Structure formats: structure tokens, C-alpha cells
């Protein structure tokens, strides 16, 4: 179908499925974001359309079979189109279930809340189910503020944190942004994983009577953007500090949850450690449902919302809160993660993946500075000789070479480009910290998929970084600025 043909009226689903790559690019430029098209295609992506996907594999319309080693950036613990997830959604649809009006109580929300309370430690039992991870974070922050009835005005998050891109969650994110948006008041930051820094920052926010002005502490037990984890000492110290100061302790487990790092949630590897609130999203929806949640302790939730005046402040008044098909999907996604022991799957992937990466690191010590992560999410920190860094900096397009990390980012992008173009392996790198290349397969991946990745990665590095950089810069990135 040509661009002229599609401009004659409203497009159907069938019409959308028949669009060519050129048609899709044209419509994106007109109605979505033309710079997005230019950026993605310059990096070698977005030049193909997906026909279907299953498990760890993406099948493009031009016949390529791509190993998806991104894990959907946390969404695809279950892989693409898990049969049990599809069956749960199909059952909901075929039975014409109705889950829109909030004056009808939802059996799916009730069951999902029960399941989370059953799996989580302590009295983490009161749930709220919005759509995205950022909404879950903001809901948890709102709960903490309401718990203190607005009497405290400060919230703390880590200097390298990533908690979302809404106005509130964006302000709580420590990562740098290209634009300074307004955010909620009272945000301060501490050094990630540094208990002394946290205590110092808490100490700075005392009122004249000596009591704390901090209403919440937001912590990622595992930082999926920097591949750093908080030590047990830090997490238990934070718990002790929050208990002593009556600060609501929130653990953000949006990326690290449902087995990804080798335990059901990262903090659960430490027995007896219980936050006041935990957020979840991404693979919570089984790769098919846009759903998130926070789960709070009764002692925090009930004083805030369990009264007739406030009962609707954060639940039934939200249109898409606990939407039926999404909640039903999450019920099945949780059961699959537990019954198929996703934490054990992550640990098995970790054993094979880390052993292979360390072997490759020994062979290419000048190219791999570090391998760090947890479970089935591992960061590969690429580097290079001073001459290579200088070469990458020279290739950097004008206007961006003020970024001191840009040469390292270009080195990483060149490996990702070659892995995709030459070996059909799909990877990504984070934009926070030192921008590691991330190897994070779905938890349905087996030994064969991990071996395929390791072989392709080693063959890619054998090409040599100057050649990889030349392939990326000359064919992809440089065209972006022409």
C-alpha cells in the first residue's frame, strides 16, 4: 500500500498490518516524531517491521530471525507471547467480561491483591494497580505524603536513581535530562548505596523541634541503569533509620522484580527485610498488559486511605486503575513466574552468561573494563585504549562532543550495531552512568540462546573496535547530521 493510498481515509487494523516500512516512516514523521525516525534509523534500527515474535525470538517481515537479548528492558521475563498469558487474555475476551465501571467490584483486582499479599513478606498486603511504573512510583510517594497528612515536606532518592519520566518521578530520577522540567517540591538526593550519605542528608532535614521533615525514602535495591546494587548493610541500615524517624521506606522493584535478578524481588534475598511500600511494573503484565502496582504495609496504607472521606483518593476514581483484562493478565503472569521458578531460571542464566563474559573479558581486556549485574541482567562496560577513545571522540558529530562519555557511548553503540546487523542479536545500552551494554535475556531463555549470544559477541569483538566504529559512524550516525 502506498502513502497515497493510505491517505484517503481512516485506516483499519488490516490496513496497518499491510503498511510498508516506508509508509510507517512517513506516518511517524507526519504524526508521531520525525526526529525519532531519523535517530533510530541512523543507529541501524527501525528499518524492518516485525511480523511476529515468540519466546526469545523476533521474526521480521523480510524473513530475519532476531534473538531478543533486551528482555524488553524489563518487560519480557516471560518472553514474547507466552502461551499461558495469551490463553488468559483470550479467556477474558471470549467470555465477554466487563471490567470498566468501578462501582462493580473486580474479582481480578481482589485475586491479584491476594496473590501479592501471599507472596510478599511481612504485612505488605494493600495494593493499588495503575498502568505504568512511573504512576506506581507517584502513587507510592502520594501515599507516603498522605500518611504524614502533609506535615512533612521532604522526599529523598539516590543520585543515580531512575524512577520514571513524569513530572514527579522525573524529579526523583537522579539521571541527567536534556531539559529541566518542574517537579514536586522538597526533593533531595543521597549517594546511592552510601549509608553515611543517607544519614547526613536525613540529618539536614530536621525541623526546629528536632523531628524529621522527611516523609519518604525512595530506593532501588538494584539499579538496572547502572548495574549497581545496594548492599545488605545499606538496605538494613535504611530500614532501621526509617523506622527510627517514622519515614516511609519505598523500594522501587519495577525493573528488578519477578525473578529478574535471581530472587522474586531483589530485596527478598535478605530475610526479614521489609519496606513500607514496594513498586512493581514491567514484567508484572506478562509482556502483554500495561499494568503496574504498589503494595503497602497495612500500618501505612490504612491510616492514609482507609476512611470514608479518603477511600476514593487513589483507587476507584482512577479510570484505568485495575482494568479487568490487565489485572487478569497479571494474575497469570505472577503464577507463571512462581510456578516456573523464574528466580532459579535467572540464576541459571547468570551462571552461564557471567562465566562466558568473563572468559571473553580475559581475551579482550582492553575492550571490556567490567562485567557487573545480578541474575539475568548483566552490564558489559566497554572501554578502549586512549587512542581508541580519541578516535571515537574525533568521529563524534558536532554539537554532541561536549559529552565526556560520548566516545564510550559510540563504542558501545558500534558493538550493538554489529551484533544486530551481522548476527541478528538485539541489545541495548543504558543512558545513565557509564552506559553499559546490557545483556538481559527473557527468563524463558535456555542454554542455546545464551551460547548463541556469547558466540556472536566474541566474533563481534574479533573485528576490532576501529572497524566497528567505522561501520557505525560512516553508515549510521554520521548521516544523522548531514
Protein backbone atom coordinates (compact mmCIF):
# COMPACT_ATOMS: atom_id res chain seq x y z
CA UNK A 1 0.00 0.00 0.00
CA UNK A 2 1.43 3.39 -1.00
CA UNK A 3 1.47 6.56 1.05
CA UNK A 4 -1.06 8.00 -1.40
CA UNK A 5 -3.38 5.06 -0.89
CA UNK A 6 -3.36 5.28 2.87
CA UNK A 7 -4.18 8.97 2.88
CA UNK A 8 -7.70 8.52 1.53
CA UNK A 9 -9.50 7.71 4.78
CA UNK A 10 -9.35 6.07 8.20
CA UNK A 11 -7.03 3.10 8.41
CA UNK A 12 -8.21 -0.26 9.69
CA UNK A 13 -6.14 -2.75 11.69
CA UNK A 14 -5.77 -4.74 8.49
CA UNK A 15 -4.55 -1.62 6.67
CA UNK A 16 -1.94 -1.04 9.41
CA UNK A 17 -0.69 -4.59 9.04
CA UNK A 18 -0.11 -4.04 5.31
CA UNK A 19 1.94 -0.85 5.65
CA UNK A 20 5.45 -0.94 4.25
CA UNK A 21 8.47 0.32 6.19
CA UNK A 22 8.44 3.46 4.04
CA UNK A 23 4.75 4.02 4.84
CA UNK A 24 5.35 3.63 8.57
CA UNK A 25 8.31 6.03 8.48
CA UNK A 26 6.23 8.56 6.56
CA UNK A 27 3.34 8.39 9.06
CA UNK A 28 5.73 8.63 12.01
CA UNK A 29 7.30 11.73 10.50
CA UNK A 30 3.90 13.32 9.99
CA UNK A 31 2.06 12.28 13.15
CA UNK A 32 4.49 10.96 15.77
CA UNK A 33 8.04 12.38 15.72
CA UNK A 34 10.22 12.79 12.64
CA UNK A 35 13.40 13.05 14.74
CA UNK A 36 12.63 9.66 16.25
CA UNK A 37 12.70 8.14 12.77
CA UNK A 38 16.00 9.83 11.95
CA UNK A 39 17.63 8.80 15.24
CA UNK A 40 16.56 5.15 15.21
CA UNK A 41 17.35 4.51 11.57
CA UNK A 42 20.75 6.20 11.91
CA UNK A 43 21.62 3.63 14.60
CA UNK A 44 20.62 0.74 12.37
CA UNK A 45 17.20 0.10 13.90
CA UNK A 46 13.69 0.75 12.65
CA UNK A 47 14.47 -0.34 9.10
CA UNK A 48 12.45 -3.53 9.38
CA UNK A 49 8.94 -4.37 10.54
CA UNK A 50 8.15 -7.23 12.87
CA UNK A 51 5.92 -10.00 11.57
CA UNK A 52 5.62 -11.95 14.81
CA UNK A 53 7.53 -12.78 17.99
CA UNK A 54 7.69 -15.81 20.25
CA UNK A 55 9.78 -16.57 23.29
CA UNK A 56 13.23 -15.04 22.84
CA UNK A 57 12.88 -14.54 19.10
CA UNK A 58 11.60 -11.75 16.84
CA UNK A 59 10.70 -12.60 13.23
CA UNK A 60 10.78 -9.67 10.81
CA UNK A 61 8.66 -9.32 7.70
CA UNK A 62 11.72 -9.66 5.49
CA UNK A 63 12.48 -13.09 6.97
CA UNK A 64 15.12 -12.33 9.60
CA UNK A 65 15.13 -14.16 12.94
CA UNK A 66 16.39 -11.89 15.72
CA UNK A 67 17.45 -13.04 19.19
CA UNK A 68 15.92 -10.54 21.60
CA UNK A 69 18.51 -10.20 24.36
CA UNK A 70 17.00 -6.98 25.72
CA UNK A 71 14.34 -8.68 27.83
CA UNK A 72 12.09 -5.88 26.63
CA UNK A 73 14.04 -3.60 29.01
CA UNK A 74 12.46 -5.49 31.90
CA UNK A 75 9.08 -6.24 30.35
CA UNK A 76 9.74 -9.66 28.85
CA UNK A 77 10.65 -12.02 31.69
CA UNK A 78 8.02 -14.32 30.14
CA UNK A 79 9.33 -13.77 26.62
CA UNK A 80 7.16 -12.72 23.70
CA UNK A 81 3.61 -14.08 23.60
CA UNK A 82 3.84 -16.67 26.35
CA UNK A 83 1.10 -19.25 25.65
CA UNK A 84 -0.35 -19.11 29.17
CA UNK A 85 -0.51 -15.31 29.04
CA UNK A 86 -2.27 -15.41 25.66
CA UNK A 87 -4.72 -18.04 26.94
CA UNK A 88 -5.65 -15.91 29.96
CA UNK A 89 -6.36 -12.89 27.78
CA UNK A 90 -8.26 -14.98 25.24
CA UNK A 91 -10.45 -16.44 28.00
CA UNK A 92 -11.29 -12.94 29.26
CA UNK A 93 -12.25 -11.79 25.77
CA UNK A 94 -14.19 -14.87 24.72
CA UNK A 95 -16.31 -14.70 27.86
CA UNK A 96 -17.11 -11.02 27.21
CA UNK A 97 -16.00 -9.96 30.66
CA UNK A 98 -16.86 -6.41 31.74
CA UNK A 99 -14.23 -4.60 33.79
CA UNK A 100 -14.67 -0.86 33.28
CA UNK A 101 -17.18 0.50 35.80
CA UNK A 102 -15.58 0.88 39.22
CA UNK A 103 -18.86 0.66 41.08
CA UNK A 104 -18.73 -3.07 40.32
CA UNK A 105 -16.05 -4.72 42.41
CA UNK A 106 -13.49 -6.61 40.36
CA UNK A 107 -12.78 -10.27 41.15
CA UNK A 108 -9.50 -9.87 39.26
CA UNK A 109 -8.28 -6.97 41.40
CA UNK A 110 -9.32 -8.88 44.51
CA UNK A 111 -7.48 -12.03 43.44
CA UNK A 112 -4.39 -10.14 42.31
CA UNK A 113 -4.19 -8.28 45.61
CA UNK A 114 -4.49 -11.59 47.48
CA UNK A 115 -1.71 -13.16 45.41
CA UNK A 116 0.71 -10.31 46.04
CA UNK A 117 0.00 -10.33 49.77
CA UNK A 118 0.62 -14.10 49.79
CA UNK A 119 4.00 -13.78 48.06
CA UNK A 120 5.44 -10.74 49.81
CA UNK A 121 6.92 -10.72 53.31
CA UNK A 122 5.59 -9.09 56.45
CA UNK A 123 2.37 -7.13 56.21
CA UNK A 124 2.93 -5.89 52.65
CA UNK A 125 -0.67 -6.55 51.68
CA UNK A 126 -2.51 -3.43 50.44
CA UNK A 127 -2.33 -2.97 46.67
CA UNK A 128 -3.05 -0.31 44.07
CA UNK A 129 -2.84 -1.07 40.34
CA UNK A 130 -2.31 1.83 37.88
CA UNK A 131 -0.77 1.50 34.42
CA UNK A 132 2.92 2.41 34.33
CA UNK A 133 5.93 2.18 36.60
CA UNK A 134 6.13 5.95 36.92
CA UNK A 135 2.48 6.02 38.06
CA UNK A 136 3.24 3.35 40.66
CA UNK A 137 6.13 5.45 41.97
CA UNK A 138 4.00 8.56 42.13
CA UNK A 139 1.22 6.61 43.82
CA UNK A 140 3.65 5.35 46.45
CA UNK A 141 5.00 8.86 47.03
CA UNK A 142 1.48 10.23 47.31
CA UNK A 143 0.63 7.54 49.85
CA UNK A 144 3.69 8.43 51.95
CA UNK A 145 2.79 12.12 51.87
CA UNK A 146 -0.80 11.38 52.84
CA UNK A 147 0.34 9.04 55.63
CA UNK A 148 2.03 12.07 57.21
CA UNK A 149 -1.03 14.23 56.42
CA UNK A 150 1.17 16.77 54.67
CA UNK A 151 3.05 17.57 57.87
CA UNK A 152 6.42 16.72 56.31
CA UNK A 153 7.84 18.21 53.14
CA UNK A 154 10.98 16.32 52.07
CA UNK A 155 11.48 13.17 50.00
CA UNK A 156 14.86 11.53 49.31
CA UNK A 157 16.11 9.50 46.34
CA UNK A 158 19.55 8.40 45.13
CA UNK A 159 21.82 10.47 42.94
CA UNK A 160 21.85 7.82 40.17
CA UNK A 161 18.23 6.71 40.55
CA UNK A 162 15.81 6.14 37.72
CA UNK A 163 12.16 6.26 38.76
CA UNK A 164 10.33 7.39 35.63
CA UNK A 165 9.69 10.40 33.40
CA UNK A 166 6.53 12.00 34.74
CA UNK A 167 6.95 15.36 36.45
CA UNK A 168 7.14 13.87 39.93
CA UNK A 169 9.03 10.67 39.15
CA UNK A 170 11.29 12.60 36.78
CA UNK A 171 12.34 14.89 39.60
CA UNK A 172 13.07 11.85 41.74
CA UNK A 173 15.26 10.44 38.97
CA UNK A 174 18.91 11.26 39.51
CA UNK A 175 19.84 10.71 35.87
CA UNK A 176 20.58 13.80 33.83
CA UNK A 177 17.96 15.07 31.40
CA UNK A 178 18.34 17.29 28.36
CA UNK A 179 15.58 19.54 29.72
CA UNK A 180 14.84 20.83 33.19
CA UNK A 181 11.15 20.11 33.91
CA UNK A 182 9.38 21.33 37.03
CA UNK A 183 8.66 18.67 39.64
CA UNK A 184 7.26 18.14 43.12
CA UNK A 185 8.80 20.23 45.90
CA UNK A 186 11.14 19.01 48.63
CA UNK A 187 13.34 16.55 46.70
CA UNK A 188 16.87 15.88 47.91
CA UNK A 189 19.38 13.22 46.88
CA UNK A 190 21.89 10.98 48.66
CA UNK A 191 24.76 8.91 47.24
CA UNK A 192 23.49 5.53 46.03
CA UNK A 193 24.24 2.73 48.47
CA UNK A 194 26.09 5.04 50.89
CA UNK A 195 24.58 4.79 54.37
CA UNK A 196 26.71 7.62 55.71
CA UNK A 197 25.48 9.92 52.91
CA UNK A 198 21.88 8.93 53.60
CA UNK A 199 22.22 9.66 57.32
CA UNK A 200 23.81 13.02 56.56
CA UNK A 201 21.00 14.03 54.20
CA UNK A 202 18.31 12.92 56.66
CA UNK A 203 20.11 14.94 59.33
CA UNK A 204 19.98 18.06 57.17
CA UNK A 205 16.20 17.97 57.09
CA UNK A 206 15.22 18.46 60.69
CA UNK A 207 12.65 20.88 61.97
CA UNK A 208 13.32 23.30 64.84
CA UNK A 209 11.92 20.81 67.35
CA UNK A 210 14.42 18.17 66.18
CA UNK A 211 11.88 15.94 64.42
CA UNK A 212 12.41 14.81 60.82
CA UNK A 213 10.88 16.63 57.86
CA UNK A 214 11.44 13.62 55.57
CA UNK A 215 8.22 11.81 54.67
CA UNK A 216 9.65 9.20 52.27
CA UNK A 217 12.86 7.50 51.20
CA UNK A 218 12.82 6.02 47.68
CA UNK A 219 15.41 3.32 46.98
CA UNK A 220 16.22 0.96 44.09
CA UNK A 221 17.71 -2.15 45.75
CA UNK A 222 19.17 -2.90 42.31
CA UNK A 223 19.83 -0.11 39.81
CA UNK A 224 19.11 -1.53 36.35
CA UNK A 225 20.51 1.58 34.64
CA UNK A 226 23.93 1.47 36.31
CA UNK A 227 24.16 -2.24 37.27
CA UNK A 228 24.83 -1.37 40.91
CA UNK A 229 23.10 -2.94 43.88
CA UNK A 230 22.61 -1.74 47.42
CA UNK A 231 24.42 -3.85 49.98
CA UNK A 232 22.55 -5.70 52.67
CA UNK A 233 24.17 -3.37 55.18
CA UNK A 234 22.78 -0.33 53.38
CA UNK A 235 19.25 -1.71 52.99
CA UNK A 236 19.01 -2.85 56.61
CA UNK A 237 20.53 0.44 57.75
CA UNK A 238 17.98 2.37 55.70
CA UNK A 239 15.19 0.27 57.21
CA UNK A 240 16.47 0.97 60.74
CA UNK A 241 16.80 4.69 60.04
CA UNK A 242 13.32 4.96 58.53
CA UNK A 243 11.78 3.08 61.45
CA UNK A 244 13.50 5.37 63.97
CA UNK A 245 12.46 8.54 62.12
CA UNK A 246 8.99 7.34 61.00
CA UNK A 247 10.00 7.79 57.35
CA UNK A 248 8.10 5.74 54.75
CA UNK A 249 10.61 3.41 53.06
CA UNK A 250 9.77 2.70 49.40
CA UNK A 251 11.60 0.04 47.39
CA UNK A 252 11.39 0.53 43.61
CA UNK A 253 11.46 -3.01 42.15
CA UNK A 254 9.91 -2.08 38.80
CA UNK A 255 12.78 -3.42 36.65
CA UNK A 256 14.28 -5.93 39.08
CA UNK A 257 11.09 -7.75 40.03
CA UNK A 258 9.55 -11.14 39.28
CA UNK A 259 12.78 -13.10 39.36
CA UNK A 260 14.98 -10.98 37.09
CA UNK A 261 17.91 -10.64 39.49
CA UNK A 262 17.72 -14.15 40.97
CA UNK A 263 15.16 -13.66 43.75
CA UNK A 264 11.46 -12.93 43.38
CA UNK A 265 12.23 -9.31 44.24
CA UNK A 266 15.77 -8.15 44.81
CA UNK A 267 15.23 -7.15 48.45
CA UNK A 268 13.78 -10.57 49.29
CA UNK A 269 17.24 -12.17 49.27
CA UNK A 270 17.63 -10.64 52.72
CA UNK A 271 15.32 -12.41 55.20
CA UNK A 272 13.28 -10.19 57.47
CA UNK A 273 13.87 -7.04 55.41
CA UNK A 274 10.51 -5.40 54.65
CA UNK A 275 9.93 -1.94 53.13
CA UNK A 276 6.82 0.09 53.85
CA UNK A 277 5.89 0.19 50.17
CA UNK A 278 7.14 -1.71 47.11
CA UNK A 279 6.50 -0.76 43.48
CA UNK A 280 6.30 -3.17 40.55
CA UNK A 281 5.60 -3.00 36.81
CA UNK A 282 7.25 -4.12 33.54
CA UNK A 283 7.08 -7.97 33.54
CA UNK A 284 4.19 -7.79 36.04
CA UNK A 285 1.96 -7.67 32.94
CA UNK A 286 3.49 -10.75 31.30
CA UNK A 287 4.71 -8.77 28.30
CA UNK A 288 1.13 -8.17 27.10
CA UNK A 289 -0.50 -5.92 29.68
CA UNK A 290 0.20 -2.35 30.71
CA UNK A 291 -0.17 -2.64 34.46
CA UNK A 292 1.85 -1.61 37.49
CA UNK A 293 1.29 -1.62 41.19
CA UNK A 294 2.43 -0.69 44.61
CA UNK A 295 1.97 -2.86 47.67
CA UNK A 296 1.98 -1.19 51.07
CA UNK A 297 2.06 -2.31 54.66
CA UNK A 298 -1.30 -2.09 56.38
CA UNK A 299 0.14 0.22 59.03
CA UNK A 300 0.97 2.76 56.28
CA UNK A 301 -1.99 2.34 53.95
CA UNK A 302 -4.91 2.21 56.36
CA UNK A 303 -4.21 5.50 58.20
CA UNK A 304 -3.85 7.24 54.83
CA UNK A 305 -6.81 5.96 52.83
CA UNK A 306 -8.95 3.57 54.85
CA UNK A 307 -11.66 6.02 55.89
CA UNK A 308 -14.86 7.15 54.23
CA UNK A 309 -13.58 10.61 53.32
CA UNK A 310 -10.38 9.43 51.65
CA UNK A 311 -11.31 5.99 50.33
CA UNK A 312 -11.60 7.28 46.74
CA UNK A 313 -8.48 9.45 46.68
CA UNK A 314 -6.36 6.83 44.94
CA UNK A 315 -8.49 3.91 43.86
CA UNK A 316 -11.89 3.77 42.21
CA UNK A 317 -11.77 7.37 40.99
CA UNK A 318 -8.97 6.40 38.58
CA UNK A 319 -10.44 5.32 35.23
CA UNK A 320 -7.87 2.71 34.32
CA UNK A 321 -6.98 1.58 37.81
CA UNK A 322 -7.05 -2.24 37.88
CA UNK A 323 -8.56 -2.55 34.40
CA UNK A 324 -10.00 -6.04 34.11
CA UNK A 325 -8.05 -7.60 31.27
CA UNK A 326 -4.80 -6.14 32.59
CA UNK A 327 -5.43 -7.49 36.10
CA UNK A 328 -6.40 -10.91 34.75
CA UNK A 329 -3.22 -10.98 32.69
CA UNK A 330 -1.12 -10.05 35.72
CA UNK A 331 -2.69 -12.87 37.75
CA UNK A 332 -1.46 -15.38 35.19
CA UNK A 333 1.92 -13.67 34.78
CA UNK A 334 2.55 -13.90 38.53
CA UNK A 335 1.54 -17.56 38.63
CA UNK A 336 3.85 -18.41 35.73
CA UNK A 337 6.78 -16.61 37.38
CA UNK A 338 6.23 -18.53 40.62
CA UNK A 339 5.31 -21.97 39.20
CA UNK A 340 8.14 -21.95 36.64
CA UNK A 341 10.58 -20.64 39.29
CA UNK A 342 11.80 -17.58 37.42
CA UNK A 343 14.34 -16.71 40.15
CA UNK A 344 16.04 -20.08 39.58
CA UNK A 345 15.94 -19.52 35.81
CA UNK A 346 17.66 -16.16 36.30
CA UNK A 347 20.36 -17.74 38.44
CA UNK A 348 20.98 -20.42 35.79
CA UNK A 349 21.26 -17.76 33.06
CA UNK A 350 23.61 -15.77 35.29
CA UNK A 351 25.94 -18.73 35.83
CA UNK A 352 26.34 -19.40 32.10
CA UNK A 353 26.31 -15.77 30.99
CA UNK A 354 28.79 -14.41 33.53
CA UNK A 355 31.22 -17.31 33.00
CA UNK A 356 31.17 -16.69 29.24
CA UNK A 357 31.50 -12.92 29.57
CA UNK A 358 34.43 -13.21 31.97
CA UNK A 359 36.17 -15.57 29.55
CA UNK A 360 35.68 -13.07 26.73
CA UNK A 361 36.83 -10.26 29.00
CA UNK A 362 40.09 -12.11 29.64
CA UNK A 363 40.60 -12.38 25.88
CA UNK A 364 39.81 -8.68 25.26
CA UNK A 365 40.98 -6.88 28.43
CA UNK A 366 41.48 -3.61 26.55
CA UNK A 367 37.87 -3.58 25.34
CA UNK A 368 35.89 -4.81 28.37
CA UNK A 369 36.50 -2.83 31.54
CA UNK A 370 33.96 -4.59 33.73
CA UNK A 371 31.07 -7.05 33.79
CA UNK A 372 28.56 -6.37 36.53
CA UNK A 373 24.92 -7.16 37.28
CA UNK A 374 22.62 -9.61 39.02
CA UNK A 375 20.79 -12.64 37.73
CA UNK A 376 19.67 -12.33 34.12
CA UNK A 377 20.61 -8.68 33.76
CA UNK A 378 24.31 -8.08 33.22
CA UNK A 379 26.07 -4.88 32.23
CA UNK A 380 29.12 -5.03 29.97
CA UNK A 381 31.21 -1.88 30.42
CA UNK A 382 33.15 -1.39 27.21
CA UNK A 383 36.22 0.79 27.02
CA UNK A 384 39.22 1.25 24.79
CA UNK A 385 42.76 2.47 24.62
CA UNK A 386 43.38 6.22 24.83
CA UNK A 387 43.92 6.22 21.06
CA UNK A 388 40.59 4.49 20.50
CA UNK A 389 38.79 6.96 22.79
CA UNK A 390 40.45 9.78 20.86
CA UNK A 391 39.31 8.20 17.58
CA UNK A 392 35.72 7.89 18.82
CA UNK A 393 35.77 11.49 20.02
CA UNK A 394 37.02 12.61 16.60
CA UNK A 395 34.12 10.76 14.94
CA UNK A 396 31.58 12.33 17.32
CA UNK A 397 29.13 14.54 15.44
CA UNK A 398 29.34 18.26 16.13
CA UNK A 399 27.13 19.52 18.90
CA UNK A 400 27.37 16.32 20.94
CA UNK A 401 31.09 16.02 21.57
CA UNK A 402 30.77 18.11 24.74
CA UNK A 403 29.51 14.93 26.44
CA UNK A 404 32.60 13.37 28.07
CA UNK A 405 31.01 9.93 27.89
CA UNK A 406 30.11 10.19 24.21
CA UNK A 407 33.17 8.24 22.95
CA UNK A 408 32.29 5.35 25.27
CA UNK A 409 28.67 5.52 24.13
CA UNK A 410 29.75 5.38 20.49
CA UNK A 411 31.98 2.37 21.21
CA UNK A 412 29.04 0.61 22.87
CA UNK A 413 26.65 1.58 20.08
CA UNK A 414 29.06 0.23 17.48
CA UNK A 415 29.01 -3.21 19.15
CA UNK A 416 25.21 -3.16 19.36
CA UNK A 417 25.00 -2.21 15.68
CA UNK A 418 27.29 -5.05 14.57
CA UNK A 419 25.55 -7.59 16.80
CA UNK A 420 22.21 -6.71 15.23
CA UNK A 421 23.30 -6.34 11.62
CA UNK A 422 25.74 -9.26 11.41
CA UNK A 423 24.44 -11.75 13.96
CA UNK A 424 20.76 -10.93 14.48
CA UNK A 425 21.14 -10.23 18.21
CA UNK A 426 19.14 -7.35 19.64
CA UNK A 427 20.75 -5.45 22.56
CA UNK A 428 20.53 -2.04 24.21
CA UNK A 429 22.60 0.21 26.42
CA UNK A 430 21.53 2.46 29.26
CA UNK A 431 21.83 6.24 29.15
CA UNK A 432 22.67 6.59 32.83
CA UNK A 433 26.10 6.42 34.44
CA UNK A 434 28.77 4.77 32.26
CA UNK A 435 26.19 3.50 29.76
CA UNK A 436 26.84 -0.25 29.88
CA UNK A 437 25.80 -2.58 27.10
CA UNK A 438 23.07 -4.70 28.69
CA UNK A 439 22.68 -8.44 28.25
CA UNK A 440 19.29 -9.21 29.75
CA UNK A 441 17.52 -12.14 28.06
CA UNK A 442 13.95 -13.15 28.88
CA UNK A 443 13.81 -15.72 31.67
CA UNK A 444 12.49 -18.29 29.19
CA UNK A 445 15.92 -18.28 27.52
CA UNK A 446 17.88 -21.52 27.66
CA UNK A 447 21.48 -22.58 27.27
CA UNK A 448 21.22 -22.48 23.47
CA UNK A 449 20.19 -18.82 23.37
CA UNK A 450 22.87 -17.74 25.85
CA UNK A 451 25.53 -19.65 23.89
CA UNK A 452 24.35 -18.02 20.66
CA UNK A 453 24.76 -14.58 22.22
CA UNK A 454 28.21 -15.33 23.64
CA UNK A 455 29.49 -16.68 20.31
CA UNK A 456 28.16 -13.65 18.43
CA UNK A 457 29.62 -11.24 20.99
CA UNK A 458 33.07 -12.80 20.78
CA UNK A 459 33.02 -12.78 16.97
CA UNK A 460 31.97 -9.13 17.02
CA UNK A 461 34.86 -8.08 19.23
CA UNK A 462 37.23 -10.04 16.97
CA UNK A 463 36.51 -7.49 14.22
CA UNK A 464 38.34 -4.86 16.24
CA UNK A 465 36.92 -1.66 17.60
CA UNK A 466 38.25 0.68 14.88
CA UNK A 467 36.37 -1.33 12.24
CA UNK A 468 33.23 -1.46 14.39
CA UNK A 469 33.36 2.29 14.94
CA UNK A 470 33.84 2.93 11.24
CA UNK A 471 30.83 0.75 10.41
CA UNK A 472 28.64 2.68 12.84
CA UNK A 473 29.84 6.19 12.15
CA UNK A 474 30.15 6.12 8.37
CA UNK A 475 26.98 4.19 7.67
CA UNK A 476 24.70 5.24 10.51
CA UNK A 477 25.45 8.05 12.93
CA UNK A 478 27.16 10.48 10.57
CA UNK A 479 24.11 10.54 8.29
CA UNK A 480 22.10 11.88 11.19
CA UNK A 481 23.86 15.23 10.99
CA UNK A 482 24.10 15.57 7.21
